[in-house]
């Protein structure tokens, strides 16, 4: 779920902003530009938790299907 933040941020303009917003650019804009650090931290933490849950679920699925897993 990680996309190059720099690529997306540099290609954004007012015409495509509504469709090109991703979590990383949203956290940057809310946290640094609007100085709402606590909300940006919460959004970043939620993103990390979702990524962890997806990793664990896919690892369990791979273990059941193929017998191979990360650990």
Protein backbone atom coordinates (compact mmCIF):
# COMPACT_ATOMS: atom_id res chain seq x y z
CA UNK A 1 0.00 0.00 0.00
CA UNK A 2 2.98 2.27 -0.31
CA UNK A 3 3.27 4.51 -3.34
CA UNK A 4 6.08 6.96 -3.91
CA UNK A 5 4.95 10.06 -2.01
CA UNK A 6 7.17 12.37 -4.03
CA UNK A 7 5.82 11.20 -7.38
CA UNK A 8 2.20 11.72 -6.40
CA UNK A 9 2.82 15.04 -4.64
CA UNK A 10 4.80 16.54 -7.51
CA UNK A 11 2.21 15.53 -10.12
CA UNK A 12 -0.76 16.96 -8.19
CA UNK A 13 -2.39 20.14 -9.43
CA UNK A 14 -5.78 21.79 -8.77
CA UNK A 15 -7.38 19.92 -11.68
CA UNK A 16 -6.56 16.39 -10.47
CA UNK A 17 -6.35 16.98 -6.72
CA UNK A 18 -9.65 15.28 -5.89
CA UNK A 19 -8.63 12.03 -7.61
CA UNK A 20 -4.90 11.99 -6.86
CA UNK A 21 -5.10 12.39 -3.06
CA UNK A 22 -3.54 9.45 -1.21
CA UNK A 23 -3.05 8.86 2.49
CA UNK A 24 0.56 10.06 2.49
CA UNK A 25 -0.22 13.38 0.82
CA UNK A 26 -3.28 13.82 3.04
CA UNK A 27 -1.17 13.31 6.18
CA UNK A 28 1.41 15.80 4.87
CA UNK A 29 -1.19 18.45 4.13
CA UNK A 30 -3.09 18.04 7.40
CA UNK A 31 -0.01 17.61 9.61
CA UNK A 32 2.47 20.11 8.26
CA UNK A 33 0.52 22.62 6.23
CA UNK A 34 -2.47 22.88 8.60
CA UNK A 35 -0.41 22.23 11.78
CA UNK A 36 -2.80 19.53 13.01
CA UNK A 37 -0.09 17.15 14.19
CA UNK A 38 -2.20 14.91 16.41
CA UNK A 39 -4.76 14.13 13.70
CA UNK A 40 -2.03 13.47 11.14
CA UNK A 41 -0.32 11.13 13.60
CA UNK A 42 -3.56 9.26 14.18
CA UNK A 43 -4.16 8.86 10.44
CA UNK A 44 -0.59 7.63 9.93
CA UNK A 45 -0.93 5.16 12.79
CA UNK A 46 -4.24 3.88 11.42
CA UNK A 47 -2.60 3.40 8.02
CA UNK A 48 0.22 1.40 9.62
CA UNK A 49 -2.25 -0.79 11.53
CA UNK A 50 -4.24 -1.54 8.39
CA UNK A 51 -1.01 -2.50 6.61
CA UNK A 52 -0.01 -4.79 9.49
CA UNK A 53 -3.41 -6.53 9.52
CA UNK A 54 -3.26 -7.05 5.76
CA UNK A 55 0.24 -8.51 6.05
CA UNK A 56 -0.82 -10.94 8.77
CA UNK A 57 -3.94 -12.03 6.89
CA UNK A 58 -2.11 -12.63 3.61
CA UNK A 59 0.65 -14.48 5.44
CA UNK A 60 -1.90 -16.79 7.09
CA UNK A 61 -3.63 -17.33 3.75
CA UNK A 62 -0.32 -18.18 2.05
CA UNK A 63 0.55 -20.61 4.84
CA UNK A 64 -2.75 -22.47 4.40
CA UNK A 65 -2.71 -22.53 0.60
CA UNK A 66 0.93 -23.27 -0.19
CA UNK A 67 2.56 -24.20 3.10
CA UNK A 68 5.03 -21.33 2.74
CA UNK A 69 4.91 -18.15 4.79
CA UNK A 70 7.11 -15.33 5.98
CA UNK A 71 7.64 -16.86 9.44
